Structures are given as C-alpha cells and as structure tokens.
PDB file of N, CA and C in Angstrom:
ATOM      1  N   MET A   1     140.855 -64.533 -16.252  1.00  0.00           N
ATOM      2  CA  MET A   1     139.850 -65.641 -15.111  1.00  0.00           C
ATOM      3  C   MET A   1     139.692 -64.012 -14.206  1.00  0.00           C
ATOM      4  N   THR A   2     138.065 -64.156 -13.873  1.00  0.00           N
ATOM      5  CA  THR A   2     137.316 -63.296 -13.019  1.00  0.00           C
ATOM      6  C   THR A   2     137.345 -63.845 -11.859  1.00  0.00           C
ATOM      7  N   MET A   3     137.637 -63.022 -10.551  1.00  0.00           N
ATOM      8  CA  MET A   3     138.065 -63.279  -9.650  1.00  0.00           C
ATOM      9  C   MET A   3     136.199 -63.243  -8.795  1.00  0.00           C
ATOM     10  N   ALA A   4     135.953 -64.356  -7.744  1.00  0.00           N
ATOM     11  CA  ALA A   4     134.531 -64.231  -7.316  1.00  0.00           C
ATOM     12  C   ALA A   4     134.646 -62.783  -6.199  1.00  0.00           C
ATOM     13  N   PRO A   5     133.470 -61.945  -6.344  1.00  0.00           N
ATOM     14  CA  PRO A   5     133.438 -61.010  -5.356  1.00  0.00           C
ATOM     15  C   PRO A   5     133.446 -61.412  -4.000  1.00  0.00           C
ATOM     16  N   GLU A   6     134.065 -60.534  -3.624  1.00  0.00           N
ATOM     17  CA  GLU A   6     134.416 -60.527  -1.540  1.00  0.00           C
ATOM     18  C   GLU A   6     132.971 -59.912  -1.173  1.00  0.00           C
ATOM     19  N   ARG A   7     132.632 -61.181   0.135  1.00  0.00           N
ATOM     20  CA  ARG A   7     131.100 -61.130   0.584  1.00  0.00           C
ATOM     21  C   ARG A   7     131.388 -60.273   1.881  1.00  0.00           C
ATOM     22  N   ILE A   8     130.660 -59.696   2.221  1.00  0.00           N
ATOM     23  CA  ILE A   8     131.011 -58.684   3.286  1.00  0.00           C
ATOM     24  C   ILE A   8     129.787 -59.168   4.203  1.00  0.00           C
ATOM     25  N   ASP A   9     130.622 -59.769   5.437  1.00  0.00           N
ATOM     26  CA  ASP A   9     129.232 -59.893   6.592  1.00  0.00           C
ATOM     27  C   ASP A   9     129.523 -59.171   7.775  1.00  0.00           C
ATOM     28  N   LEU A  10     128.286 -58.949   8.233  1.00  0.00           N
ATOM     29  CA  LEU A  10     128.500 -58.176  10.067  1.00  0.00           C
ATOM     30  C   LEU A  10     128.729 -59.893  11.001  1.00  0.00           C
ATOM     31  N   ARG A  11     129.388 -59.024  11.968  1.00  0.00           N
ATOM     32  CA  ARG A  11     129.691 -59.591  13.298  1.00  0.00           C
ATOM     33  C   ARG A  11     129.231 -59.006  14.406  1.00  0.00           C
ATOM     34  N   VAL A  12     128.659 -59.195  15.309  1.00  0.00           N
ATOM     35  CA  VAL A  12     128.744 -58.659  16.459  1.00  0.00           C
ATOM     36  C   VAL A  12     129.457 -58.478  17.349  1.00  0.00           C
ATOM     37  N   GLU A  13     130.054 -57.331  17.700  1.00  0.00           N
ATOM     38  CA  GLU A  13     131.099 -57.243  18.967  1.00  0.00           C
ATOM     39  C   GLU A  13     130.471 -56.814  20.295  1.00  0.00           C
ATOM     40  N   LEU A  14     131.284 -57.091  21.150  1.00  0.00           N
ATOM     41  CA  LEU A  14     130.869 -56.416  22.976  1.00  0.00           C
ATOM     42  C   LEU A  14     131.673 -55.700  22.887  1.00  0.00           C
ATOM     43  N   LEU A  15     131.639 -54.673  24.050  1.00  0.00           N
ATOM     44  CA  LEU A  15     132.588 -53.953  24.459  1.00  0.00           C
ATOM     45  C   LEU A  15     133.117 -54.359  26.001  1.00  0.00           C
ATOM     46  N   ILE A  16     134.234 -54.724  26.028  1.00  0.00           N
ATOM     47  CA  ILE A  16     134.719 -55.642  27.134  1.00  0.00           C
ATOM     48  C   ILE A  16     136.221 -54.934  27.748  1.00  0.00           C
ATOM     49  N   ASP A  17     136.000 -54.160  28.734  1.00  0.00           N
ATOM     50  CA  ASP A  17     137.747 -53.410  29.182  1.00  0.00           C
ATOM     51  C   ASP A  17     138.065 -52.939  28.478  1.00  0.00           C
ATOM     52  N   GLN A  18     137.156 -51.991  27.722  1.00  0.00           N
ATOM     53  CA  GLN A  18     137.765 -50.693  26.838  1.00  0.00           C
ATOM     54  C   GLN A  18     138.036 -51.840  25.140  1.00  0.00           C
ATOM     55  N   ARG A  19     137.842 -52.523  24.975  1.00  0.00           N
ATOM     56  CA  ARG A  19     138.335 -53.454  23.742  1.00  0.00           C
ATOM     57  C   ARG A  19     137.197 -53.853  23.212  1.00  0.00           C
ATOM     58  N   TRP A  20     137.096 -53.969  21.702  1.00  0.00           N
ATOM     59  CA  TRP A  20     135.829 -54.210  21.186  1.00  0.00           C
ATOM     60  C   TRP A  20     136.029 -56.295  20.745  1.00  0.00           C
ATOM     61  N   PHE A  21     135.192 -56.843  21.473  1.00  0.00           N
ATOM     62  CA  PHE A  21     135.374 -58.377  21.130  1.00  0.00           C
ATOM     63  C   PHE A  21     134.182 -58.858  20.059  1.00  0.00           C
ATOM     64  N   ALA A  22     134.916 -59.990  19.306  1.00  0.00           N
ATOM     65  CA  ALA A  22     133.346 -60.304  18.396  1.00  0.00           C
ATOM     66  C   ALA A  22     132.954 -61.406  19.162  1.00  0.00           C
ATOM     67  N   ILE A  23     131.745 -61.391  19.524  1.00  0.00           N
ATOM     68  CA  ILE A  23     131.028 -62.660  19.558  1.00  0.00           C
ATOM     69  C   ILE A  23     130.119 -63.481  18.935  1.00  0.00           C
ATOM     70  N   CYS A  24     129.670 -63.091  17.970  1.00  0.00           N
ATOM     71  CA  CYS A  24     129.299 -63.818  16.552  1.00  0.00           C
ATOM     72  C   CYS A  24     129.105 -63.204  15.254  1.00  0.00           C
ATOM     73  N   ASP A  25     128.402 -64.025  14.050  1.00  0.00           N
ATOM     74  CA  ASP A  25     128.007 -63.297  12.893  1.00  0.00           C
ATOM     75  C   ASP A  25     127.050 -62.836  13.503  1.00  0.00           C
ATOM     76  N   LEU A  26     126.047 -61.495  12.870  1.00  0.00           N
ATOM     77  CA  LEU A  26     124.821 -61.223  12.821  1.00  0.00           C
ATOM     78  C   LEU A  26     123.801 -62.124  12.086  1.00  0.00           C
ATOM     79  N   THR A  27     124.509 -62.969  11.159  1.00  0.00           N
ATOM     80  CA  THR A  27     123.633 -64.031  10.790  1.00  0.00           C
ATOM     81  C   THR A  27     123.328 -65.068  11.808  1.00  0.00           C
ATOM     82  N   ASP A  28     123.821 -65.256  12.838  1.00  0.00           N
ATOM     83  CA  ASP A  28     123.846 -66.437  13.794  1.00  0.00           C
ATOM     84  C   ASP A  28     122.637 -66.197  14.647  1.00  0.00           C
ATOM     85  N   LEU A  29     122.274 -64.877  14.634  1.00  0.00           N
ATOM     86  CA  LEU A  29     120.832 -64.112  15.727  1.00  0.00           C
ATOM     87  C   LEU A  29     119.683 -64.513  14.826  1.00  0.00           C
ATOM     88  N   ILE A  30     118.772 -64.587  15.722  1.00  0.00           N
ATOM     89  CA  ILE A  30     117.572 -64.481  15.122  1.00  0.00           C
ATOM     90  C   ILE A  30     116.822 -63.177  15.768  1.00  0.00           C
ATOM     91  N   PRO A  31     116.078 -62.460  14.913  1.00  0.00           N
ATOM     92  CA  PRO A  31     115.202 -61.162  15.685  1.00  0.00           C
ATOM     93  C   PRO A  31     113.946 -61.671  16.554  1.00  0.00           C
ATOM     94  N   GLY A  32     114.320 -61.106  17.682  1.00  0.00           N
ATOM     95  CA  GLY A  32     113.083 -61.696  18.190  1.00  0.00           C
ATOM     96  C   GLY A  32     113.572 -62.814  19.837  1.00  0.00           C
ATOM     97  N   ARG A  33     114.626 -63.185  19.182  1.00  0.00           N
ATOM     98  CA  ARG A  33     115.157 -64.763  20.405  1.00  0.00           C
ATOM     99  C   ARG A  33     117.127 -64.126  20.884  1.00  0.00           C
ATOM    100  N   GLY A  34     117.053 -64.803  21.738  1.00  0.00           N
ATOM    101  CA  GLY A  34     118.460 -64.688  22.167  1.00  0.00           C
ATOM    102  C   GLY A  34     119.381 -66.281  22.161  1.00  0.00           C
ATOM    103  N   VAL A  35     120.656 -66.150  22.312  1.00  0.00           N
ATOM    104  CA  VAL A  35     121.600 -66.926  22.107  1.00  0.00           C
ATOM    105  C   VAL A  35     122.644 -66.670  23.412  1.00  0.00           C
ATOM    106  N   ALA A  36     123.265 -67.816  23.913  1.00  0.00           N
ATOM    107  CA  ALA A  36     124.305 -67.456  25.469  1.00  0.00           C
ATOM    108  C   ALA A  36     125.369 -67.760  24.505  1.00  0.00           C
ATOM    109  N   ALA A  37     126.441 -67.120  24.912  1.00  0.00           N
ATOM    110  CA  ALA A  37     128.108 -66.848  24.302  1.00  0.00           C
ATOM    111  C   ALA A  37     128.820 -66.620  25.888  1.00  0.00           C
ATOM    112  N   LEU A  38     129.839 -67.376  25.491  1.00  0.00           N
ATOM    113  CA  LEU A  38     130.714 -67.767  26.354  1.00  0.00           C
ATOM    114  C   LEU A  38     131.876 -66.399  25.963  1.00  0.00           C
ATOM    115  N   LEU A  39     132.412 -65.975  27.207  1.00  0.00           N
ATOM    116  CA  LEU A  39     133.768 -64.688  27.036  1.00  0.00           C
ATOM    117  C   LEU A  39     134.409 -65.250  27.489  1.00  0.00           C
ATOM    118  N   PRO A  40     135.874 -64.997  26.936  1.00  0.00           N
ATOM    119  CA  PRO A  40     137.261 -65.616  27.667  1.00  0.00           C
ATOM    120  C   PRO A  40     137.029 -65.712  28.723  1.00  0.00           C
ATOM    121  N   ASP A  41     136.615 -65.038  29.473  1.00  0.00           N
ATOM    122  CA  ASP A  41     137.090 -65.413  30.931  1.00  0.00           C
ATOM    123  C   ASP A  41     135.665 -65.992  31.519  1.00  0.00           C
ATOM    124  N   GLY A  42     135.190 -66.767  30.943  1.00  0.00           N
ATOM    125  CA  GLY A  42     134.421 -67.442  31.104  1.00  0.00           C
ATOM    126  C   GLY A  42     132.909 -67.167  31.709  1.00  0.00           C
ATOM    127  N   THR A  43     132.634 -65.801  31.530  1.00  0.00           N
ATOM    128  CA  THR A  43     131.248 -65.092  31.961  1.00  0.00           C
ATOM    129  C   THR A  43     130.447 -65.335  30.751  1.00  0.00           C
ATOM    130  N   GLN A  44     128.873 -66.136  31.142  1.00  0.00           N
ATOM    131  CA  GLN A  44     128.087 -66.272  29.887  1.00  0.00           C
ATOM    132  C   GLN A  44     127.371 -64.970  29.711  1.00  0.00           C
ATOM    133  N   VAL A  45     127.124 -64.627  28.346  1.00  0.00           N
ATOM    134  CA  VAL A  45     126.477 -63.566  27.849  1.00  0.00           C
ATOM    135  C   VAL A  45     125.054 -63.875  27.426  1.00  0.00           C
ATOM    136  N   ALA A  46     124.117 -62.923  27.566  1.00  0.00           N
ATOM    137  CA  ALA A  46     122.846 -63.477  26.420  1.00  0.00           C
ATOM    138  C   ALA A  46     122.796 -61.888  25.431  1.00  0.00           C
ATOM    139  N   VAL A  47     122.564 -62.903  24.221  1.00  0.00           N
ATOM    140  CA  VAL A  47     122.905 -62.067  22.791  1.00  0.00           C
ATOM    141  C   VAL A  47     121.539 -61.801  22.286  1.00  0.00           C
ATOM    142  N   PHE A  48     121.024 -60.625  21.971  1.00  0.00           N
ATOM    143  CA  PHE A  48     119.692 -61.081  21.459  1.00  0.00           C
ATOM    144  C   PHE A  48     119.429 -59.848  20.227  1.00  0.00           C
ATOM    145  N   LEU A  49     118.690 -60.095  19.098  1.00  0.00           N
ATOM    146  CA  LEU A  49     118.580 -59.100  17.916  1.00  0.00           C
ATOM    147  C   LEU A  49     117.178 -58.558  18.257  1.00  0.00           C
ATOM    148  N   ASP A  50     116.887 -57.643  18.383  1.00  0.00           N
ATOM    149  CA  ASP A  50     115.288 -56.913  17.891  1.00  0.00           C
ATOM    150  C   ASP A  50     114.894 -57.140  16.913  1.00  0.00           C
ATOM    151  N   ARG A  51     113.910 -56.702  16.873  1.00  0.00           N
ATOM    152  CA  ARG A  51     113.196 -57.123  15.374  1.00  0.00           C
ATOM    153  C   ARG A  51     113.374 -55.579  14.366  1.00  0.00           C
ATOM    154  N   ALA A  52     114.098 -54.708  15.168  1.00  0.00           N
ATOM    155  CA  ALA A  52     114.743 -53.924  13.970  1.00  0.00           C
ATOM    156  C   ALA A  52     116.656 -54.052  13.573  1.00  0.00           C
ATOM    157  N   GLY A  53     116.359 -55.382  14.440  1.00  0.00           N
ATOM    158  CA  GLY A  53     117.901 -55.621  13.708  1.00  0.00           C
ATOM    159  C   GLY A  53     118.809 -54.956  14.674  1.00  0.00           C
ATOM    160  N   ARG A  54     118.793 -54.558  15.688  1.00  0.00           N
ATOM    161  CA  ARG A  54     119.777 -53.990  16.882  1.00  0.00           C
ATOM    162  C   ARG A  54     120.247 -54.933  17.982  1.00  0.00           C
ATOM    163  N   PRO A  55     121.443 -55.283  17.856  1.00  0.00           N
ATOM    164  CA  PRO A  55     122.066 -56.596  18.946  1.00  0.00           C
ATOM    165  C   PRO A  55     122.098 -55.645  20.666  1.00  0.00           C
ATOM    166  N   TYR A  56     122.084 -56.778  21.108  1.00  0.00           N
ATOM    167  CA  TYR A  56     121.871 -55.824  22.795  1.00  0.00           C
ATOM    168  C   TYR A  56     122.935 -57.298  23.437  1.00  0.00           C
ATOM    169  N   ALA A  57     123.452 -57.086  24.490  1.00  0.00           N
ATOM    170  CA  ALA A  57     124.033 -58.147  25.372  1.00  0.00           C
ATOM    171  C   ALA A  57     123.804 -57.742  26.593  1.00  0.00           C
ATOM    172  N   ILE A  58     123.559 -58.620  27.594  1.00  0.00           N
ATOM    173  CA  ILE A  58     123.522 -58.585  29.024  1.00  0.00           C
ATOM    174  C   ILE A  58     124.101 -59.831  29.723  1.00  0.00           C
ATOM    175  N   ASP A  59     124.121 -60.070  31.210  1.00  0.00           N
ATOM    176  CA  ASP A  59     124.844 -61.387  31.624  1.00  0.00           C
ATOM    177  C   ASP A  59     123.852 -62.429  31.303  1.00  0.00           C
ATOM    178  N   ASN A  60     123.731 -63.338  31.005  1.00  0.00           N
ATOM    179  CA  ASN A  60     123.029 -64.756  30.823  1.00  0.00           C
ATOM    180  C   ASN A  60     122.586 -65.240  32.408  1.00  0.00           C
ATOM    181  N   ARG A  61     123.072 -64.770  33.434  1.00  0.00           N
ATOM    182  CA  ARG A  61     123.087 -65.425  34.863  1.00  0.00           C
ATOM    183  C   ARG A  61     121.098 -64.603  35.488  1.00  0.00           C
ATOM    184  N   ASP A  62     120.480 -65.327  35.924  1.00  0.00           N
ATOM    185  CA  ASP A  62     118.934 -64.268  36.242  1.00  0.00           C
ATOM    186  C   ASP A  62     119.845 -64.252  37.676  1.00  0.00           C
ATOM    187  N   PRO A  63     119.611 -63.015  38.152  1.00  0.00           N
ATOM    188  CA  PRO A  63     120.068 -62.724  39.707  1.00  0.00           C
ATOM    189  C   PRO A  63     119.047 -63.288  40.686  1.00  0.00           C
ATOM    190  N   PHE A  64     118.078 -63.704  40.273  1.00  0.00           N
ATOM    191  CA  PHE A  64     116.734 -64.041  41.549  1.00  0.00           C
ATOM    192  C   PHE A  64     117.011 -65.107  41.711  1.00  0.00           C
ATOM    193  N   THR A  65     117.416 -66.392  40.882  1.00  0.00           N
ATOM    194  CA  THR A  65     117.505 -67.716  40.442  1.00  0.00           C
ATOM    195  C   THR A  65     118.911 -68.271  40.648  1.00  0.00           C
ATOM    196  N   GLY A  66     120.003 -67.462  39.974  1.00  0.00           N
ATOM    197  CA  GLY A  66     121.510 -67.998  39.619  1.00  0.00           C
ATOM    198  C   GLY A  66     121.207 -68.850  38.832  1.00  0.00           C
ATOM    199  N   ALA A  67     120.247 -69.066  37.832  1.00  0.00           N
ATOM    200  CA  ALA A  67     120.235 -70.235  36.502  1.00  0.00           C
ATOM    201  C   ALA A  67     120.695 -69.049  35.296  1.00  0.00           C
ATOM    202  N   TYR A  68     121.522 -69.805  34.631  1.00  0.00           N
ATOM    203  CA  TYR A  68     122.290 -68.994  33.269  1.00  0.00           C
ATOM    204  C   TYR A  68     120.912 -68.909  32.421  1.00  0.00           C
ATOM    205  N   VAL A  69     119.693 -68.645  32.390  1.00  0.00           N
ATOM    206  CA  VAL A  69     119.090 -68.525  31.269  1.00  0.00           C
ATOM    207  C   VAL A  69     118.520 -67.265  30.640  1.00  0.00           C
ATOM    208  N   LEU A  70     118.894 -66.163  31.177  1.00  0.00           N
ATOM    209  CA  LEU A  70     117.922 -64.985  30.907  1.00  0.00           C
ATOM    210  C   LEU A  70     118.055 -64.964  28.997  1.00  0.00           C
ATOM    211  N   SER A  71     118.724 -65.800  28.396  1.00  0.00           N
ATOM    212  CA  SER A  71     119.070 -65.817  26.491  1.00  0.00           C
ATOM    213  C   SER A  71     117.722 -66.516  26.101  1.00  0.00           C
ATOM    214  N   ARG A  72     117.263 -67.310  27.163  1.00  0.00           N
ATOM    215  CA  ARG A  72     115.986 -68.028  26.794  1.00  0.00           C
ATOM    216  C   ARG A  72     114.964 -67.348  26.989  1.00  0.00           C
ATOM    217  N   GLY A  73     114.652 -65.657  27.481  1.00  0.00           N
ATOM    218  CA  GLY A  73     113.856 -65.164  27.947  1.00  0.00           C
ATOM    219  C   GLY A  73     112.903 -64.736  26.627  1.00  0.00           C
ATOM    220  N   LEU A  74     112.057 -63.733  26.967  1.00  0.00           N
ATOM    221  CA  LEU A  74     111.063 -63.608  25.959  1.00  0.00           C
ATOM    222  C   LEU A  74     111.187 -61.849  25.618  1.00  0.00           C
ATOM    223  N   LEU A  75     111.509 -61.485  24.665  1.00  0.00           N
ATOM    224  CA  LEU A  75     111.580 -59.675  24.335  1.00  0.00           C
ATOM    225  C   LEU A  75     110.184 -59.216  24.041  1.00  0.00           C
ATOM    226  N   GLY A  76     110.463 -57.966  25.030  1.00  0.00           N
ATOM    227  CA  GLY A  76     109.407 -56.892  24.714  1.00  0.00           C
ATOM    228  C   GLY A  76     110.174 -56.021  25.053  1.00  0.00           C
ATOM    229  N   SER A  77     108.961 -54.294  25.096  1.00  0.00           N
ATOM    230  CA  SER A  77     109.470 -53.050  25.467  1.00  0.00           C
ATOM    231  C   SER A  77     108.062 -52.919  26.307  1.00  0.00           C
ATOM    232  N   ALA A  78     108.540 -51.892  27.216  1.00  0.00           N
ATOM    233  CA  ALA A  78     107.931 -50.927  28.218  1.00  0.00           C
ATOM    234  C   ALA A  78     108.352 -49.605  28.316  1.00  0.00           C
ATOM    235  N   ASP A  79     106.983 -48.707  27.951  1.00  0.00           N
ATOM    236  CA  ASP A  79     107.709 -46.991  27.642  1.00  0.00           C
ATOM    237  C   ASP A  79     108.748 -46.745  26.580  1.00  0.00           C
ATOM    238  N   GLY A  80     108.854 -47.783  25.716  1.00  0.00           N
ATOM    239  CA  GLY A  80     109.650 -47.721  24.377  1.00  0.00           C
ATOM    240  C   GLY A  80     111.287 -48.403  25.104  1.00  0.00           C
ATOM    241  N   ARG A  81     111.618 -48.730  26.397  1.00  0.00           N
ATOM    242  CA  ARG A  81     112.642 -49.632  26.352  1.00  0.00           C
ATOM    243  C   ARG A  81     112.402 -50.956  26.493  1.00  0.00           C
ATOM    244  N   PRO A  82     113.708 -51.660  25.305  1.00  0.00           N
ATOM    245  CA  PRO A  82     113.418 -53.126  25.088  1.00  0.00           C
ATOM    246  C   PRO A  82     114.194 -53.772  26.332  1.00  0.00           C
ATOM    247  N   PHE A  83     113.734 -55.068  26.320  1.00  0.00           N
ATOM    248  CA  PHE A  83     113.674 -55.834  27.977  1.00  0.00           C
ATOM    249  C   PHE A  83     113.270 -57.135  27.330  1.00  0.00           C
ATOM    250  N   VAL A  84     113.973 -58.061  28.189  1.00  0.00           N
ATOM    251  CA  VAL A  84     113.757 -59.467  28.619  1.00  0.00           C
ATOM    252  C   VAL A  84     113.185 -59.740  29.769  1.00  0.00           C
ATOM    253  N   ALA A  85     112.542 -60.530  29.535  1.00  0.00           N
ATOM    254  CA  ALA A  85     111.590 -61.241  30.543  1.00  0.00           C
ATOM    255  C   ALA A  85     112.295 -62.642  31.090  1.00  0.00           C
ATOM    256  N   SER A  86     112.910 -62.700  31.912  1.00  0.00           N
ATOM    257  CA  SER A  86     113.314 -64.252  32.782  1.00  0.00           C
ATOM    258  C   SER A  86     112.481 -65.278  32.210  1.00  0.00           C
ATOM    259  N   PRO A  87     112.607 -66.564  31.793  1.00  0.00           N
ATOM    260  CA  PRO A  87     111.539 -67.672  31.712  1.00  0.00           C
ATOM    261  C   PRO A  87     111.446 -68.263  32.850  1.00  0.00           C
ATOM    262  N   LEU A  88     112.078 -67.815  33.719  1.00  0.00           N
ATOM    263  CA  LEU A  88     111.820 -68.196  35.097  1.00  0.00           C
ATOM    264  C   LEU A  88     110.397 -67.841  36.399  1.00  0.00           C
ATOM    265  N   LEU A  89     111.269 -67.018  36.202  1.00  0.00           N
ATOM    266  CA  LEU A  89     110.068 -66.016  37.824  1.00  0.00           C
ATOM    267  C   LEU A  89     109.571 -64.654  36.575  1.00  0.00           C
ATOM    268  N   LYS A  90     109.610 -64.584  36.031  1.00  0.00           N
ATOM    269  CA  LYS A  90     109.265 -63.554  34.196  1.00  0.00           C
ATOM    270  C   LYS A  90     109.350 -62.104  35.020  1.00  0.00           C
ATOM    271  N   GLN A  91     110.903 -61.984  35.820  1.00  0.00           N
ATOM    272  CA  GLN A  91     111.351 -60.029  35.932  1.00  0.00           C
ATOM    273  C   GLN A  91     112.137 -59.962  34.757  1.00  0.00           C
ATOM    274  N   ARG A  92     111.528 -58.571  34.178  1.00  0.00           N
ATOM    275  CA  ARG A  92     112.031 -58.190  33.090  1.00  0.00           C
ATOM    276  C   ARG A  92     113.175 -57.294  33.430  1.00  0.00           C
ATOM    277  N   PHE A  93     114.475 -57.639  32.223  1.00  0.00           N
ATOM    278  CA  PHE A  93     115.803 -56.649  32.691  1.00  0.00           C
ATOM    279  C   PHE A  93     115.635 -56.008  31.319  1.00  0.00           C
ATOM    280  N   ASP A  94     116.146 -54.464  31.314  1.00  0.00           N
ATOM    281  CA  ASP A  94     116.241 -53.309  30.397  1.00  0.00           C
ATOM    282  C   ASP A  94     117.338 -53.736  29.730  1.00  0.00           C
ATOM    283  N   LEU A  95     117.238 -54.235  28.291  1.00  0.00           N
ATOM    284  CA  LEU A  95     118.243 -54.762  27.262  1.00  0.00           C
ATOM    285  C   LEU A  95     119.674 -53.350  27.014  1.00  0.00           C
ATOM    286  N   GLU A  96     119.769 -51.995  27.351  1.00  0.00           N
ATOM    287  CA  GLU A  96     120.447 -51.025  27.563  1.00  0.00           C
ATOM    288  C   GLU A  96     121.041 -51.273  28.912  1.00  0.00           C
ATOM    289  N   THR A  97     120.154 -51.211  30.007  1.00  0.00           N
ATOM    290  CA  THR A  97     121.080 -50.602  30.998  1.00  0.00           C
ATOM    291  C   THR A  97     121.331 -51.840  32.027  1.00  0.00           C
ATOM    292  N   GLY A  98     120.666 -52.956  31.980  1.00  0.00           N
ATOM    293  CA  GLY A  98     120.913 -54.236  32.616  1.00  0.00           C
ATOM    294  C   GLY A  98     119.827 -54.082  33.894  1.00  0.00           C
ATOM    295  N   ARG A  99     119.211 -53.069  33.744  1.00  0.00           N
ATOM    296  CA  ARG A  99     118.422 -52.620  35.515  1.00  0.00           C
ATOM    297  C   ARG A  99     116.752 -53.341  35.274  1.00  0.00           C
ATOM    298  N   CYS A 100     116.415 -54.123  36.298  1.00  0.00           N
ATOM    299  CA  CYS A 100     115.464 -54.927  36.630  1.00  0.00           C
ATOM    300  C   CYS A 100     114.280 -53.557  36.320  1.00  0.00           C
ATOM    301  N   LEU A 101     113.151 -53.976  35.886  1.00  0.00           N
ATOM    302  CA  LEU A 101     112.205 -53.275  35.570  1.00  0.00           C
ATOM    303  C   LEU A 101     111.127 -53.622  36.834  1.00  0.00           C
ATOM    304  N   ASP A 102     111.286 -54.504  37.662  1.00  0.00           N
ATOM    305  CA  ASP A 102     110.255 -55.024  38.529  1.00  0.00           C
ATOM    306  C   ASP A 102     111.052 -54.875  39.822  1.00  0.00           C
ATOM    307  N   ASP A 103     112.323 -54.251  40.163  1.00  0.00           N
ATOM    308  CA  ASP A 103     112.902 -54.493  41.386  1.00  0.00           C
ATOM    309  C   ASP A 103     113.981 -53.384  40.948  1.00  0.00           C
ATOM    310  N   GLU A 104     113.891 -52.135  41.471  1.00  0.00           N
ATOM    311  CA  GLU A 104     115.040 -51.202  40.968  1.00  0.00           C
ATOM    312  C   GLU A 104     116.317 -51.734  41.508  1.00  0.00           C
ATOM    313  N   THR A 105     116.484 -52.176  42.721  1.00  0.00           N
ATOM    314  CA  THR A 105     117.414 -53.028  43.347  1.00  0.00           C
ATOM    315  C   THR A 105     118.501 -53.251  42.965  1.00  0.00           C
ATOM    316  N   VAL A 106     118.167 -54.599  41.630  1.00  0.00           N
ATOM    317  CA  VAL A 106     118.971 -55.353  40.929  1.00  0.00           C
ATOM    318  C   VAL A 106     118.823 -54.870  39.496  1.00  0.00           C
ATOM    319  N   THR A 107     120.354 -55.400  39.509  1.00  0.00           N
ATOM    320  CA  THR A 107     120.838 -55.293  37.873  1.00  0.00           C
ATOM    321  C   THR A 107     121.363 -56.608  37.498  1.00  0.00           C
ATOM    322  N   VAL A 108     121.937 -56.297  36.512  1.00  0.00           N
ATOM    323  CA  VAL A 108     122.542 -57.478  35.270  1.00  0.00           C
ATOM    324  C   VAL A 108     123.454 -56.812  34.603  1.00  0.00           C
ATOM    325  N   GLN A 109     124.599 -56.787  34.639  1.00  0.00           N
ATOM    326  CA  GLN A 109     125.597 -56.595  33.461  1.00  0.00           C
ATOM    327  C   GLN A 109     124.887 -56.600  32.107  1.00  0.00           C
ATOM    328  N   ALA A 110     125.280 -55.060  31.579  1.00  0.00           N
ATOM    329  CA  ALA A 110     124.979 -54.789  30.319  1.00  0.00           C
ATOM    330  C   ALA A 110     125.881 -54.475  29.470  1.00  0.00           C
ATOM    331  N   TYR A 111     126.168 -54.667  28.281  1.00  0.00           N
ATOM    332  CA  TYR A 111     127.376 -54.381  27.198  1.00  0.00           C
ATOM    333  C   TYR A 111     127.224 -53.931  26.433  1.00  0.00           C
ATOM    334  N   ALA A 112     128.055 -52.668  26.027  1.00  0.00           N
ATOM    335  CA  ALA A 112     127.633 -51.947  24.697  1.00  0.00           C
ATOM    336  C   ALA A 112     128.469 -53.072  23.711  1.00  0.00           C
ATOM    337  N   THR A 113     127.079 -52.862  22.613  1.00  0.00           N
ATOM    338  CA  THR A 113     127.222 -53.693  21.214  1.00  0.00           C
ATOM    339  C   THR A 113     127.390 -52.623  19.991  1.00  0.00           C
ATOM    340  N   ARG A 114     128.009 -53.470  18.962  1.00  0.00           N
ATOM    341  CA  ARG A 114     128.185 -52.946  17.866  1.00  0.00           C
ATOM    342  C   ARG A 114     128.070 -53.877  16.632  1.00  0.00           C
ATOM    343  N   THR A 115     127.675 -53.712  15.447  1.00  0.00           N
ATOM    344  CA  THR A 115     128.368 -54.397  14.243  1.00  0.00           C
ATOM    345  C   THR A 115     129.365 -53.929  13.400  1.00  0.00           C
ATOM    346  N   GLU A 116     130.058 -54.962  12.976  1.00  0.00           N
ATOM    347  CA  GLU A 116     131.198 -54.357  12.605  1.00  0.00           C
ATOM    348  C   GLU A 116     130.959 -55.538  11.086  1.00  0.00           C
ATOM    349  N   GLU A 117     132.100 -54.906  10.077  1.00  0.00           N
ATOM    350  CA  GLU A 117     132.183 -55.854   8.778  1.00  0.00           C
ATOM    351  C   GLU A 117     133.321 -56.905   9.345  1.00  0.00           C
ATOM    352  N   ALA A 118     132.972 -57.881   8.340  1.00  0.00           N
ATOM    353  CA  ALA A 118     133.981 -58.862   8.535  1.00  0.00           C
ATOM    354  C   ALA A 118     134.136 -59.339   7.146  1.00  0.00           C
ATOM    355  N   VAL A 119     134.985 -59.588   6.259  1.00  0.00           N
ATOM    356  CA  VAL A 119     135.434 -59.462   4.847  1.00  0.00           C
ATOM    357  C   VAL A 119     135.527 -61.160   4.932  1.00  0.00           C
ATOM    358  N   ALA A 120     134.868 -61.897   4.042  1.00  0.00           N
ATOM    359  CA  ALA A 120     134.995 -63.146   3.655  1.00  0.00           C
ATOM    360  C   ALA A 120     135.254 -62.930   2.172  1.00  0.00           C
ATOM    361  N   ALA A 121     136.193 -64.132   1.854  1.00  0.00           N
ATOM    362  CA  ALA A 121     136.302 -64.299   0.642  1.00  0.00           C
ATOM    363  C   ALA A 121     135.440 -65.519  -0.293  1.00  0.00           C
TER     364      ALA A 121
END
C-alpha cells in the first residue's frame, strides 16, 4: 500500500506578546491585496502579501477616521519602503514600522511576521 505524500503548506504567523500566532495560510493571501483578521483579544489586523511574497501586518484601524479599513488600502512603495494607502483619506502607512509617511506624529501598530511550515496529510 502506497502512502500519499504529505503536503507542506506555509502559514503566516504574527509575533504577539513574544509568542508566534498563526493568522492564516499563505495561500489565503493574494499579492498586492490585503485581508482583515481578528486576533484572540479582538484586535483587527490588516495582513498583506507583497509581490515578492513577503507578508506584513499592521493594525486595521485607520487612526485618522477610526474606520477599520486599512486592509482594503492600496499597496505601494516610497523610497524602497513598502506602504499601504488608506482607502479613505489616502494617508500612507509604512508596512514595516507602522509610521504614517504623511504625518510623522501618527503611527499604527506593526507586527513582525514570518512564514512557517504547516504539514497537512
């Protein structure tokens, strides 16, 4: 009897309170687009995959409007830094630091991300 080979999937994990938390499968993300995810404490995060396949995560709440919409923003880069532009007022947030590129006094939480193997039969 031949056993079916194991399939190795990648999952995206966020660093929260010094622990890695699985947020979604890498295949759930589309390069250049974002998705919203809910953390166990009720916080919404916006998760993105850039065209090179690197995941990013920041708070989903737009600090200028209070709306939970950053996951619906447009990805871009400025001076080699990846950002998401809010779909409402168009402020740009650095995906690595959470800093607003248009108002340096404003930031959103940025999360460390990684991809890890999830073995499925």
